[in-house]
Structures are given as structure tokens and as C-alpha cells.
């Protein structure tokens, strides 16, 4: 499955381009992949985690009054259905 991408143009100084080249060679990947990896690594260290998805899940579980026992029963039922399917 193809990963959607957006082409952008950025101006980088010579030293940054050299470091990007070095990372790409070290990681044995393209400069684009190295740049994505470096940005993701920096973002994990600096930016707060995106908790929006977990908060939405929590709201849904509260709305459904889904406690651990009910969730476990549902999980077991789904497993039985999967094993029974052709």
C-alpha cells in the first residue's frame, strides 16, 4: 500500500544537507526517508503525545459503560465467532 506524500520545498544550509546525506548513508536509506525519521525522532522527544485518539476511545467506552469484564466477554465472543467462521 502506497504511503501518501506531499512534495515540499525547503531551503537547507550546506552543513545540514551534509548531515542529512550522512544520516541517509548511515541508515542506508534515501534522504527523504532519513529526513522523515529525524523529524519523527525529534518530535517524539519534544512534542507532547497525541492523546486525542485515546481520549476518544475513553469517551466511547464510558458511553457504552464498557468495563473490563464486559470487554473481556466481548473479546471472547469475537474470538469464538472468528474460529467458527469458514
N, C-alpha and C. Protein backbone atom coordinates (compact mmCIF):
# COMPACT_ATOMS: atom_id res chain seq x y z
N UNK A 1 0.84 -1.17 0.00
CA UNK A 1 0.00 0.00 0.00
C UNK A 1 0.89 1.24 0.00
N UNK A 2 0.63 2.14 -0.89
CA UNK A 2 1.44 3.35 -1.02
C UNK A 2 1.14 4.32 0.12
N UNK A 3 2.18 4.97 0.59
CA UNK A 3 2.04 5.97 1.64
C UNK A 3 1.83 7.32 0.97
N UNK A 4 0.73 8.03 1.29
CA UNK A 4 0.52 9.33 0.67
C UNK A 4 1.62 10.30 1.08
N UNK A 5 2.10 11.07 0.14
CA UNK A 5 3.16 12.03 0.43
C UNK A 5 2.79 13.40 -0.11
N UNK A 6 3.44 14.40 0.42
CA UNK A 6 3.30 15.78 -0.04
C UNK A 6 4.67 16.27 -0.41
N UNK A 7 4.81 16.76 -1.64
CA UNK A 7 6.10 17.32 -2.06
C UNK A 7 6.19 18.74 -1.56
N UNK A 8 7.31 19.07 -0.93
CA UNK A 8 7.54 20.41 -0.41
C UNK A 8 8.95 20.84 -0.74
N UNK A 9 9.17 22.12 -0.74
CA UNK A 9 10.49 22.66 -1.00
C UNK A 9 10.96 23.40 0.25
N UNK A 10 12.15 23.06 0.72
CA UNK A 10 12.75 23.71 1.87
C UNK A 10 14.15 24.13 1.51
N UNK A 11 14.60 25.20 2.14
CA UNK A 11 15.97 25.65 1.94
C UNK A 11 16.80 25.22 3.14
N UNK A 12 17.85 24.47 2.89
CA UNK A 12 18.73 23.99 3.95
C UNK A 12 20.13 24.51 3.72
N UNK A 13 20.82 24.81 4.81
CA UNK A 13 22.21 25.24 4.67
C UNK A 13 23.08 24.04 4.31
N UNK A 14 24.26 24.31 3.85
CA UNK A 14 25.16 23.27 3.35
C UNK A 14 25.47 22.22 4.42
N UNK A 15 25.74 22.65 5.64
CA UNK A 15 26.09 21.70 6.70
C UNK A 15 24.92 20.77 7.01
N UNK A 16 23.70 21.30 7.01
CA UNK A 16 22.53 20.46 7.27
C UNK A 16 22.36 19.43 6.17
N UNK A 17 22.59 19.83 4.92
CA UNK A 17 22.48 18.89 3.80
C UNK A 17 23.55 17.81 3.93
N UNK A 18 24.75 18.19 4.34
CA UNK A 18 25.80 17.19 4.54
C UNK A 18 25.43 16.21 5.64
N UNK A 19 24.86 16.73 6.71
CA UNK A 19 24.45 15.85 7.81
C UNK A 19 23.30 14.93 7.36
N UNK A 20 22.39 15.46 6.57
CA UNK A 20 21.30 14.65 6.04
C UNK A 20 21.85 13.55 5.14
N UNK A 21 22.80 13.90 4.28
CA UNK A 21 23.45 12.89 3.44
C UNK A 21 24.11 11.80 4.29
N UNK A 22 24.79 12.24 5.36
CA UNK A 22 25.46 11.28 6.25
C UNK A 22 24.47 10.35 6.94
N UNK A 23 23.34 10.92 7.41
CA UNK A 23 22.32 10.08 8.04
C UNK A 23 21.74 9.09 7.05
N UNK A 24 21.46 9.55 5.84
CA UNK A 24 20.88 8.67 4.82
C UNK A 24 21.84 7.52 4.51
N UNK A 25 23.11 7.81 4.41
CA UNK A 25 24.08 6.75 4.15
C UNK A 25 24.20 5.81 5.35
N UNK A 26 24.24 6.39 6.55
CA UNK A 26 24.36 5.58 7.76
C UNK A 26 23.17 4.64 7.91
N UNK A 27 21.97 5.16 7.63
CA UNK A 27 20.75 4.36 7.75
C UNK A 27 20.43 3.58 6.49
N UNK A 28 21.28 3.74 5.47
CA UNK A 28 21.10 3.03 4.20
C UNK A 28 19.70 3.27 3.62
N UNK A 29 19.35 4.55 3.50
CA UNK A 29 18.03 4.92 3.01
C UNK A 29 18.12 6.21 2.19
N UNK A 30 17.03 6.64 1.66
CA UNK A 30 17.01 7.89 0.88
C UNK A 30 17.08 9.09 1.82
N UNK A 31 17.40 10.23 1.25
CA UNK A 31 17.43 11.45 2.06
C UNK A 31 16.03 11.79 2.57
N UNK A 32 15.02 11.54 1.76
CA UNK A 32 13.65 11.81 2.20
C UNK A 32 13.29 10.96 3.40
N UNK A 33 13.63 9.66 3.34
CA UNK A 33 13.35 8.76 4.46
C UNK A 33 14.16 9.16 5.69
N UNK A 34 15.39 9.57 5.50
CA UNK A 34 16.22 9.99 6.63
C UNK A 34 15.64 11.25 7.27
N UNK A 35 15.17 12.17 6.45
CA UNK A 35 14.57 13.39 6.97
C UNK A 35 13.29 13.08 7.76
N UNK A 36 12.45 12.19 7.22
CA UNK A 36 11.23 11.78 7.95
C UNK A 36 11.60 11.16 9.29
N UNK A 37 12.59 10.29 9.29
CA UNK A 37 13.00 9.60 10.52
C UNK A 37 13.54 10.60 11.54
N UNK A 38 14.34 11.54 11.09
CA UNK A 38 14.91 12.53 12.01
C UNK A 38 13.82 13.42 12.59
N UNK A 39 12.86 13.81 11.76
CA UNK A 39 11.77 14.66 12.25
C UNK A 39 10.91 13.90 13.25
N UNK A 40 10.58 12.65 12.95
CA UNK A 40 9.76 11.86 13.87
C UNK A 40 10.47 11.65 15.21
N UNK A 41 11.77 11.40 15.15
CA UNK A 41 12.55 11.21 16.38
C UNK A 41 12.55 12.48 17.21
N UNK A 42 12.79 13.61 16.57
CA UNK A 42 12.80 14.89 17.28
C UNK A 42 11.41 15.21 17.84
N UNK A 43 10.37 14.94 17.07
CA UNK A 43 9.01 15.24 17.52
C UNK A 43 8.64 14.41 18.74
N UNK A 44 9.04 13.14 18.78
CA UNK A 44 8.75 12.29 19.94
C UNK A 44 9.41 12.84 21.20
N UNK A 45 10.57 13.45 21.04
CA UNK A 45 11.30 13.97 22.19
C UNK A 45 10.76 15.31 22.67
N UNK A 46 10.23 16.11 21.76
CA UNK A 46 9.88 17.49 22.07
C UNK A 46 8.38 17.73 22.22
N UNK A 47 7.59 17.14 21.34
CA UNK A 47 6.16 17.43 21.31
C UNK A 47 5.40 16.51 22.27
N UNK A 48 4.32 17.03 22.86
CA UNK A 48 3.52 16.16 23.72
C UNK A 48 2.84 15.09 22.88
N UNK A 49 2.59 13.92 23.46
CA UNK A 49 1.96 12.85 22.68
C UNK A 49 0.54 13.24 22.28
N UNK A 50 0.12 12.75 21.12
CA UNK A 50 -1.23 13.00 20.65
C UNK A 50 -2.17 12.04 21.38
N UNK A 51 -2.91 12.57 22.32
CA UNK A 51 -3.79 11.73 23.13
C UNK A 51 -5.23 11.79 22.65
N UNK A 52 -5.47 12.49 21.55
CA UNK A 52 -6.83 12.66 21.05
C UNK A 52 -7.51 11.31 20.78
N UNK A 53 -6.80 10.38 20.15
CA UNK A 53 -7.39 9.07 19.85
C UNK A 53 -7.72 8.30 21.12
N UNK A 54 -6.82 8.32 22.08
CA UNK A 54 -7.07 7.61 23.34
C UNK A 54 -8.22 8.25 24.11
N UNK A 55 -8.30 9.58 24.05
CA UNK A 55 -9.40 10.25 24.73
C UNK A 55 -10.73 9.89 24.08
N UNK A 56 -10.76 9.80 22.75
CA UNK A 56 -11.98 9.42 22.05
C UNK A 56 -12.38 7.99 22.41
N UNK A 57 -11.41 7.09 22.50
CA UNK A 57 -11.69 5.71 22.91
C UNK A 57 -12.27 5.68 24.33
N UNK A 58 -11.68 6.45 25.22
CA UNK A 58 -12.17 6.51 26.59
C UNK A 58 -13.61 7.02 26.65
N UNK A 59 -13.91 8.06 25.86
CA UNK A 59 -15.29 8.59 25.83
C UNK A 59 -16.25 7.52 25.33
N UNK A 60 -15.85 6.79 24.28
CA UNK A 60 -16.70 5.73 23.73
C UNK A 60 -16.93 4.63 24.76
N UNK A 61 -15.87 4.23 25.44
CA UNK A 61 -16.01 3.18 26.45
C UNK A 61 -16.92 3.63 27.60
N UNK A 62 -16.79 4.88 28.01
CA UNK A 62 -17.67 5.38 29.07
C UNK A 62 -19.12 5.45 28.59
N UNK A 63 -19.31 5.88 27.34
CA UNK A 63 -20.65 5.96 26.77
C UNK A 63 -21.32 4.58 26.72
N UNK A 64 -20.53 3.57 26.42
CA UNK A 64 -21.05 2.20 26.32
C UNK A 64 -21.03 1.47 27.67
N UNK A 65 -20.59 2.18 28.70
CA UNK A 65 -20.43 1.56 30.03
C UNK A 65 -19.60 0.28 29.92
N UNK A 66 -18.51 0.36 29.19
CA UNK A 66 -17.67 -0.81 28.92
C UNK A 66 -16.63 -0.96 30.03
N UNK A 67 -16.84 -1.91 30.91
CA UNK A 67 -15.87 -2.19 31.96
C UNK A 67 -14.99 -3.37 31.51
N UNK A 68 -14.01 -3.71 32.33
CA UNK A 68 -13.06 -4.77 31.94
C UNK A 68 -13.74 -6.10 31.72
N UNK A 69 -14.69 -6.46 32.56
CA UNK A 69 -15.35 -7.76 32.42
C UNK A 69 -16.18 -7.80 31.13
N UNK A 70 -16.93 -6.74 30.85
CA UNK A 70 -17.74 -6.70 29.63
C UNK A 70 -16.85 -6.74 28.40
N UNK A 71 -15.74 -6.01 28.44
CA UNK A 71 -14.81 -6.01 27.32
C UNK A 71 -14.22 -7.40 27.10
N UNK A 72 -13.86 -8.09 28.18
CA UNK A 72 -13.30 -9.44 28.07
C UNK A 72 -14.32 -10.41 27.50
N UNK A 73 -15.57 -10.29 27.93
CA UNK A 73 -16.63 -11.15 27.39
C UNK A 73 -16.82 -10.90 25.90
N UNK A 74 -16.81 -9.64 25.51
CA UNK A 74 -16.95 -9.29 24.10
C UNK A 74 -15.78 -9.85 23.30
N UNK A 75 -14.58 -9.72 23.83
CA UNK A 75 -13.39 -10.23 23.16
C UNK A 75 -13.49 -11.74 22.95
N UNK A 76 -13.93 -12.46 23.97
CA UNK A 76 -14.08 -13.91 23.85
C UNK A 76 -15.14 -14.28 22.82
N UNK A 77 -16.24 -13.54 22.80
CA UNK A 77 -17.29 -13.80 21.82
C UNK A 77 -16.78 -13.60 20.40
N UNK A 78 -16.03 -12.54 20.19
CA UNK A 78 -15.47 -12.26 18.86
C UNK A 78 -14.51 -13.37 18.45
N UNK A 79 -13.69 -13.84 19.38
CA UNK A 79 -12.75 -14.92 19.08
C UNK A 79 -13.50 -16.20 18.67
N UNK A 80 -14.57 -16.51 19.42
CA UNK A 80 -15.37 -17.70 19.07
C UNK A 80 -15.97 -17.55 17.68
N UNK A 81 -16.47 -16.36 17.36
CA UNK A 81 -17.07 -16.14 16.05
C UNK A 81 -16.02 -16.30 14.93
N UNK A 82 -14.82 -15.81 15.18
CA UNK A 82 -13.74 -15.91 14.18
C UNK A 82 -13.38 -17.37 13.92
N UNK A 83 -13.30 -18.16 14.99
CA UNK A 83 -12.93 -19.57 14.86
C UNK A 83 -14.05 -20.38 14.20
N UNK A 84 -15.28 -19.93 14.39
CA UNK A 84 -16.42 -20.64 13.81
C UNK A 84 -16.62 -20.30 12.34
N UNK A 85 -16.08 -19.17 11.91
CA UNK A 85 -16.26 -18.75 10.51
C UNK A 85 -15.49 -19.66 9.58
N UNK A 86 -16.05 -19.88 8.36
CA UNK A 86 -15.37 -20.78 7.40
C UNK A 86 -14.06 -20.20 6.88
